[in-house]
Amino acid sequence: MPKNKEFSRGLRIAEQIRRELAELIRLEVKDPRVSFISLTDVELTPDYAHAKIFFTAMGGTVSEILEGLRHASGFLRHELGKRIRIHTLPELHFHYDRSVEEGSRLSQLIDQTVREDTARAQATKPQTDH
């Protein structure tokens, strides 16, 4: 049972970190490179020493955004420490979340396949005279 309790605590802390960082980035970080991002997930190591922060971007290049986030990471970690009370404040590691991009690509492939199947079915359908 303690493992489940620890597991749920880790998930709660990760979600709190995600919410707090999203708010800090939106309201406090003035760097235009990071102005149009969404934080999608946070993964914490079991000892809470490191946090992988996953994000998606609405504009800008991933390398510019990562540079901006890395530049702001000290400030973000400091402010996070004021908002969250845990024994070890994790180091922040930012990673681009490709899942939204991949989901969009797969959706386009599915749409294209459906259109091709419909066209093929129409082409092979026997013509009836009225």
N, C-alpha and C. Protein backbone atom coordinates (compact mmCIF):
# COMPACT_ATOMS: atom_id res chain seq x y z
N MET A 1 0.81 -1.21 0.00
CA MET A 1 0.00 0.00 0.00
C MET A 1 0.85 1.27 0.00
N PRO A 2 1.96 1.32 0.70
CA PRO A 2 2.76 2.55 0.66
C PRO A 2 3.19 2.93 -0.76
N LYS A 3 3.45 1.94 -1.63
CA LYS A 3 3.84 2.27 -2.99
C LYS A 3 2.73 3.04 -3.71
N ASN A 4 1.49 2.61 -3.55
CA ASN A 4 0.38 3.31 -4.19
C ASN A 4 0.24 4.73 -3.64
N LYS A 5 0.42 4.87 -2.34
CA LYS A 5 0.33 6.20 -1.73
C LYS A 5 1.43 7.10 -2.28
N GLU A 6 2.66 6.57 -2.36
CA GLU A 6 3.77 7.35 -2.90
C GLU A 6 3.54 7.66 -4.37
N PHE A 7 3.01 6.70 -5.10
CA PHE A 7 2.74 6.89 -6.52
C PHE A 7 1.74 8.01 -6.73
N SER A 8 0.66 8.01 -5.97
CA SER A 8 -0.35 9.05 -6.14
C SER A 8 0.18 10.40 -5.67
N ARG A 9 1.02 10.42 -4.66
CA ARG A 9 1.61 11.68 -4.20
C ARG A 9 2.51 12.25 -5.30
N GLY A 10 3.30 11.39 -5.92
CA GLY A 10 4.16 11.84 -7.02
C GLY A 10 3.36 12.42 -8.17
N LEU A 11 2.25 11.79 -8.49
CA LEU A 11 1.39 12.31 -9.57
C LEU A 11 0.78 13.66 -9.18
N ARG A 12 0.37 13.78 -7.94
CA ARG A 12 -0.20 15.05 -7.48
C ARG A 12 0.84 16.17 -7.52
N ILE A 13 2.04 15.87 -7.08
CA ILE A 13 3.10 16.88 -7.10
C ILE A 13 3.45 17.25 -8.53
N ALA A 14 3.55 16.26 -9.41
CA ALA A 14 3.85 16.53 -10.82
C ALA A 14 2.79 17.43 -11.43
N GLU A 15 1.53 17.16 -11.15
CA GLU A 15 0.45 17.98 -11.70
C GLU A 15 0.49 19.39 -11.11
N GLN A 16 0.80 19.51 -9.84
CA GLN A 16 0.90 20.83 -9.22
C GLN A 16 2.06 21.61 -9.85
N ILE A 17 3.18 20.94 -10.10
CA ILE A 17 4.32 21.58 -10.75
C ILE A 17 3.92 22.06 -12.14
N ARG A 18 3.19 21.23 -12.89
CA ARG A 18 2.75 21.61 -14.23
C ARG A 18 1.87 22.86 -14.19
N ARG A 19 0.90 22.87 -13.29
CA ARG A 19 0.00 24.02 -13.17
C ARG A 19 0.75 25.29 -12.77
N GLU A 20 1.59 25.18 -11.77
CA GLU A 20 2.32 26.36 -11.28
C GLU A 20 3.28 26.89 -12.34
N LEU A 21 3.99 26.00 -13.03
CA LEU A 21 4.91 26.45 -14.08
C LEU A 21 4.15 27.10 -15.23
N ALA A 22 3.02 26.53 -15.60
CA ALA A 22 2.22 27.11 -16.69
C ALA A 22 1.81 28.54 -16.33
N GLU A 23 1.38 28.72 -15.09
CA GLU A 23 0.98 30.06 -14.66
C GLU A 23 2.17 31.01 -14.61
N LEU A 24 3.29 30.54 -14.09
CA LEU A 24 4.50 31.37 -14.04
C LEU A 24 4.95 31.79 -15.44
N ILE A 25 4.95 30.84 -16.36
CA ILE A 25 5.38 31.15 -17.73
C ILE A 25 4.42 32.15 -18.36
N ARG A 26 3.14 31.96 -18.14
CA ARG A 26 2.13 32.83 -18.74
C ARG A 26 2.18 34.25 -18.15
N LEU A 27 2.37 34.35 -16.85
CA LEU A 27 2.25 35.66 -16.19
C LEU A 27 3.57 36.34 -15.84
N GLU A 28 4.61 35.59 -15.59
CA GLU A 28 5.84 36.17 -15.05
C GLU A 28 7.02 36.21 -16.02
N VAL A 29 7.10 35.24 -16.92
CA VAL A 29 8.24 35.20 -17.84
C VAL A 29 7.97 36.16 -18.99
N LYS A 30 8.88 37.09 -19.18
CA LYS A 30 8.69 38.13 -20.20
C LYS A 30 9.38 37.79 -21.52
N ASP A 31 10.04 36.65 -21.60
CA ASP A 31 10.77 36.25 -22.80
C ASP A 31 9.77 35.88 -23.90
N PRO A 32 9.78 36.59 -25.04
CA PRO A 32 8.82 36.31 -26.10
C PRO A 32 9.00 34.92 -26.73
N ARG A 33 10.14 34.29 -26.54
CA ARG A 33 10.37 32.96 -27.11
C ARG A 33 9.48 31.91 -26.47
N VAL A 34 9.02 32.16 -25.26
CA VAL A 34 8.23 31.15 -24.55
C VAL A 34 6.77 31.58 -24.34
N SER A 35 6.34 32.59 -25.07
CA SER A 35 5.00 33.13 -24.81
C SER A 35 3.86 32.25 -25.32
N PHE A 36 4.09 31.42 -26.31
CA PHE A 36 2.99 30.61 -26.87
C PHE A 36 3.26 29.13 -26.73
N ILE A 37 3.44 28.68 -25.49
CA ILE A 37 3.63 27.25 -25.25
C ILE A 37 2.57 26.76 -24.28
N SER A 38 2.35 25.46 -24.33
CA SER A 38 1.47 24.79 -23.38
C SER A 38 2.26 23.66 -22.74
N LEU A 39 2.17 23.54 -21.43
CA LEU A 39 2.81 22.44 -20.75
C LEU A 39 1.85 21.25 -20.76
N THR A 40 2.32 20.13 -21.26
CA THR A 40 1.44 18.98 -21.43
C THR A 40 1.61 17.92 -20.35
N ASP A 41 2.82 17.82 -19.77
CA ASP A 41 3.04 16.78 -18.78
C ASP A 41 4.29 17.08 -17.97
N VAL A 42 4.36 16.50 -16.80
CA VAL A 42 5.55 16.56 -15.96
C VAL A 42 5.81 15.16 -15.45
N GLU A 43 7.05 14.71 -15.60
CA GLU A 43 7.46 13.42 -15.05
C GLU A 43 8.53 13.69 -14.00
N LEU A 44 8.29 13.18 -12.80
CA LEU A 44 9.23 13.36 -11.69
C LEU A 44 10.00 12.07 -11.45
N THR A 45 11.28 12.20 -11.10
CA THR A 45 12.02 11.03 -10.66
C THR A 45 11.50 10.66 -9.27
N PRO A 46 11.65 9.40 -8.86
CA PRO A 46 11.10 8.99 -7.56
C PRO A 46 11.63 9.80 -6.38
N ASP A 47 12.84 10.33 -6.49
CA ASP A 47 13.39 11.13 -5.39
C ASP A 47 13.08 12.63 -5.54
N TYR A 48 12.31 12.99 -6.56
CA TYR A 48 11.90 14.37 -6.86
C TYR A 48 13.07 15.29 -7.19
N ALA A 49 14.21 14.72 -7.53
CA ALA A 49 15.39 15.53 -7.82
C ALA A 49 15.34 16.15 -9.22
N HIS A 50 14.62 15.50 -10.13
CA HIS A 50 14.56 15.98 -11.52
C HIS A 50 13.11 15.91 -12.02
N ALA A 51 12.76 16.91 -12.81
CA ALA A 51 11.43 16.94 -13.42
C ALA A 51 11.59 17.16 -14.91
N LYS A 52 11.01 16.25 -15.70
CA LYS A 52 10.94 16.45 -17.15
C LYS A 52 9.65 17.20 -17.42
N ILE A 53 9.77 18.37 -18.03
CA ILE A 53 8.62 19.21 -18.33
C ILE A 53 8.39 19.12 -19.84
N PHE A 54 7.24 18.60 -20.26
CA PHE A 54 6.93 18.46 -21.67
C PHE A 54 6.04 19.61 -22.12
N PHE A 55 6.33 20.16 -23.30
CA PHE A 55 5.57 21.30 -23.80
C PHE A 55 5.27 21.14 -25.29
N THR A 56 4.24 21.84 -25.72
CA THR A 56 3.95 22.00 -27.15
C THR A 56 4.02 23.49 -27.44
N ALA A 57 4.19 23.82 -28.71
CA ALA A 57 4.37 25.22 -29.09
C ALA A 57 3.39 25.62 -30.17
N MET A 58 2.90 26.85 -30.08
CA MET A 58 2.00 27.40 -31.09
C MET A 58 2.76 28.18 -32.15
N GLY A 59 3.97 28.56 -31.86
CA GLY A 59 4.78 29.33 -32.80
C GLY A 59 6.22 29.31 -32.38
N GLY A 60 7.09 29.76 -33.26
CA GLY A 60 8.51 29.77 -32.96
C GLY A 60 9.14 28.41 -33.20
N THR A 61 10.43 28.38 -33.22
CA THR A 61 11.12 27.11 -33.42
C THR A 61 11.37 26.46 -32.06
N VAL A 62 11.42 25.15 -32.09
CA VAL A 62 11.63 24.40 -30.85
C VAL A 62 12.95 24.79 -30.20
N SER A 63 13.99 24.98 -31.00
CA SER A 63 15.30 25.32 -30.43
C SER A 63 15.26 26.69 -29.74
N GLU A 64 14.57 27.66 -30.33
CA GLU A 64 14.44 28.98 -29.69
C GLU A 64 13.66 28.89 -28.39
N ILE A 65 12.58 28.12 -28.41
CA ILE A 65 11.74 27.97 -27.22
C ILE A 65 12.54 27.28 -26.12
N LEU A 66 13.25 26.20 -26.46
CA LEU A 66 14.07 25.51 -25.47
C LEU A 66 15.12 26.43 -24.88
N GLU A 67 15.73 27.24 -25.72
CA GLU A 67 16.72 28.20 -25.24
C GLU A 67 16.09 29.18 -24.25
N GLY A 68 14.89 29.68 -24.59
CA GLY A 68 14.19 30.59 -23.69
C GLY A 68 13.81 29.93 -22.38
N LEU A 69 13.34 28.68 -22.44
CA LEU A 69 12.97 27.97 -21.22
C LEU A 69 14.20 27.68 -20.35
N ARG A 70 15.27 27.29 -20.98
CA ARG A 70 16.50 27.03 -20.21
C ARG A 70 17.01 28.32 -19.57
N HIS A 71 16.89 29.41 -20.29
CA HIS A 71 17.31 30.70 -19.76
C HIS A 71 16.46 31.08 -18.53
N ALA A 72 15.18 30.75 -18.58
CA ALA A 72 14.26 31.11 -17.50
C ALA A 72 14.19 30.05 -16.40
N SER A 73 14.85 28.92 -16.57
CA SER A 73 14.67 27.80 -15.64
C SER A 73 15.08 28.14 -14.21
N GLY A 74 16.14 28.91 -14.02
CA GLY A 74 16.53 29.30 -12.66
C GLY A 74 15.45 30.12 -11.98
N PHE A 75 14.93 31.10 -12.70
CA PHE A 75 13.83 31.93 -12.17
C PHE A 75 12.61 31.06 -11.88
N LEU A 76 12.26 30.17 -12.82
CA LEU A 76 11.09 29.31 -12.65
C LEU A 76 11.25 28.39 -11.44
N ARG A 77 12.41 27.83 -11.28
CA ARG A 77 12.66 26.93 -10.14
C ARG A 77 12.57 27.71 -8.84
N HIS A 78 13.15 28.90 -8.80
CA HIS A 78 13.10 29.74 -7.60
C HIS A 78 11.65 30.08 -7.23
N GLU A 79 10.87 30.51 -8.22
CA GLU A 79 9.47 30.86 -7.97
C GLU A 79 8.64 29.63 -7.61
N LEU A 80 8.96 28.50 -8.22
CA LEU A 80 8.27 27.26 -7.90
C LEU A 80 8.50 26.89 -6.43
N GLY A 81 9.72 27.14 -5.95
CA GLY A 81 10.04 26.87 -4.55
C GLY A 81 9.21 27.69 -3.58
N LYS A 82 8.77 28.86 -4.00
CA LYS A 82 7.92 29.70 -3.15
C LYS A 82 6.49 29.17 -3.12
N ARG A 83 6.09 28.46 -4.17
CA ARG A 83 4.69 28.03 -4.30
C ARG A 83 4.45 26.59 -3.85
N ILE A 84 5.49 25.76 -3.94
CA ILE A 84 5.32 24.34 -3.62
C ILE A 84 6.28 23.99 -2.49
N ARG A 85 5.77 23.38 -1.47
CA ARG A 85 6.59 22.99 -0.33
C ARG A 85 6.88 21.48 -0.41
N ILE A 86 8.05 21.14 -0.94
CA ILE A 86 8.51 19.76 -0.93
C ILE A 86 9.97 19.76 -0.49
N HIS A 87 10.41 18.64 0.04
CA HIS A 87 11.76 18.55 0.60
C HIS A 87 12.83 18.86 -0.44
N THR A 88 12.71 18.27 -1.61
CA THR A 88 13.69 18.50 -2.68
C THR A 88 12.98 19.17 -3.85
N LEU A 89 13.42 20.34 -4.21
CA LEU A 89 12.86 21.03 -5.36
C LEU A 89 13.58 20.51 -6.61
N PRO A 90 12.85 19.96 -7.56
CA PRO A 90 13.52 19.31 -8.70
C PRO A 90 14.20 20.29 -9.66
N GLU A 91 15.26 19.80 -10.27
CA GLU A 91 15.85 20.51 -11.40
C GLU A 91 14.88 20.37 -12.55
N LEU A 92 14.74 21.42 -13.35
CA LEU A 92 13.76 21.41 -14.44
C LEU A 92 14.46 21.10 -15.76
N HIS A 93 13.93 20.11 -16.47
CA HIS A 93 14.45 19.72 -17.78
C HIS A 93 13.30 19.79 -18.77
N PHE A 94 13.41 20.66 -19.76
CA PHE A 94 12.32 20.87 -20.71
C PHE A 94 12.51 20.01 -21.95
N HIS A 95 11.38 19.43 -22.42
CA HIS A 95 11.39 18.56 -23.59
C HIS A 95 10.18 18.88 -24.46
N TYR A 96 10.41 18.94 -25.76
CA TYR A 96 9.31 19.18 -26.70
C TYR A 96 8.45 17.93 -26.79
N ASP A 97 7.15 18.09 -26.67
CA ASP A 97 6.19 16.99 -26.74
C ASP A 97 5.71 16.84 -28.17
N ARG A 98 6.15 15.81 -28.82
CA ARG A 98 5.80 15.58 -30.23
C ARG A 98 4.45 14.86 -30.40
N SER A 99 3.80 14.49 -29.32
CA SER A 99 2.58 13.69 -29.43
C SER A 99 1.46 14.44 -30.16
N VAL A 100 1.33 15.74 -29.95
CA VAL A 100 0.28 16.50 -30.63
C VAL A 100 0.58 16.55 -32.13
N GLU A 101 1.84 16.80 -32.45
CA GLU A 101 2.28 16.84 -33.84
C GLU A 101 2.06 15.48 -34.51
N GLU A 102 2.42 14.40 -33.82
CA GLU A 102 2.23 13.06 -34.36
C GLU A 102 0.75 12.72 -34.50
N GLY A 103 -0.05 13.12 -33.54
CA GLY A 103 -1.49 12.89 -33.62
C GLY A 103 -2.10 13.59 -34.83
N SER A 104 -1.68 14.81 -35.09
CA SER A 104 -2.16 15.55 -36.24
C SER A 104 -1.74 14.87 -37.54
N ARG A 105 -0.49 14.41 -37.59
CA ARG A 105 0.01 13.72 -38.79
C ARG A 105 -0.77 12.43 -39.03
N LEU A 106 -1.02 11.66 -37.97
CA LEU A 106 -1.78 10.42 -38.11
C LEU A 106 -3.21 10.70 -38.54
N SER A 107 -3.80 11.75 -38.00
CA SER A 107 -5.16 12.12 -38.39
C SER A 107 -5.23 12.47 -39.88
N GLN A 108 -4.23 13.20 -40.37
CA GLN A 108 -4.18 13.53 -41.80
C GLN A 108 -4.03 12.28 -42.65
N LEU A 109 -3.20 11.33 -42.20
CA LEU A 109 -3.03 10.08 -42.94
C LEU A 109 -4.33 9.28 -42.98
N ILE A 110 -5.05 9.25 -41.87
CA ILE A 110 -6.33 8.54 -41.83
C ILE A 110 -7.33 9.20 -42.77
N ASP A 111 -7.42 10.54 -42.72
CA ASP A 111 -8.33 11.26 -43.62
C ASP A 111 -8.00 10.98 -45.08
N GLN A 112 -6.71 11.00 -45.40
CA GLN A 112 -6.28 10.73 -46.78
C GLN A 112 -6.65 9.31 -47.20
N THR A 113 -6.47 8.34 -46.33
CA THR A 113 -6.81 6.95 -46.63
C THR A 113 -8.30 6.79 -46.84
N VAL A 114 -9.10 7.44 -46.01
CA VAL A 114 -10.57 7.37 -46.15
C VAL A 114 -10.99 7.97 -47.50
N ARG A 115 -10.40 9.11 -47.89
CA ARG A 115 -10.73 9.73 -49.18
C ARG A 115 -10.35 8.79 -50.33
N GLU A 116 -9.17 8.18 -50.25
CA GLU A 116 -8.73 7.27 -51.31
C GLU A 116 -9.63 6.04 -51.38
N ASP A 117 -10.03 5.50 -50.23
CA ASP A 117 -10.93 4.34 -50.22
C ASP A 117 -12.29 4.69 -50.79
N THR A 118 -12.80 5.87 -50.46
CA THR A 118 -14.09 6.32 -50.99
C THR A 118 -14.01 6.49 -52.50
N ALA A 119 -12.94 7.11 -52.97
CA ALA A 119 -12.76 7.29 -54.42
C ALA A 119 -12.64 5.94 -55.12
N ARG A 120 -11.91 5.00 -54.54
CA ARG A 120 -11.75 3.67 -55.12
C ARG A 120 -13.08 2.94 -55.16
N ALA A 121 -13.87 3.08 -54.08
CA ALA A 121 -15.18 2.42 -54.04
C ALA A 121 -16.11 3.02 -55.09
N GLN A 122 -16.04 4.33 -55.30
CA GLN A 122 -16.87 4.98 -56.31
C GLN A 122 -16.46 4.54 -57.71
N ALA A 123 -15.18 4.36 -57.93
CA ALA A 123 -14.65 3.97 -59.25
C ALA A 123 -15.04 2.54 -59.59
N THR A 124 -15.13 1.66 -58.63
CA THR A 124 -15.45 0.25 -58.90
C THR A 124 -16.92 -0.07 -58.73
N LYS A 125 -17.73 0.89 -58.35
CA LYS A 125 -19.15 0.69 -58.16
C LYS A 125 -19.82 0.51 -59.53
N PRO A 126 -20.62 -0.54 -59.69
CA PRO A 126 -21.31 -0.72 -60.97
C PRO A 126 -22.29 0.42 -61.25
N GLN A 127 -22.26 0.89 -62.49
CA GLN A 127 -23.17 1.98 -62.88
C GLN A 127 -24.54 1.39 -63.21
N THR A 128 -25.60 2.01 -62.70
CA THR A 128 -26.97 1.57 -63.00
C THR A 128 -27.63 2.60 -63.89
N ASP A 129 -28.35 2.13 -64.89
CA ASP A 129 -29.07 3.03 -65.78
C ASP A 129 -30.46 3.28 -65.23
N HIS A 130 -30.89 4.52 -65.35
CA HIS A 130 -32.23 4.89 -64.86
C HIS A 130 -33.15 5.04 -66.00
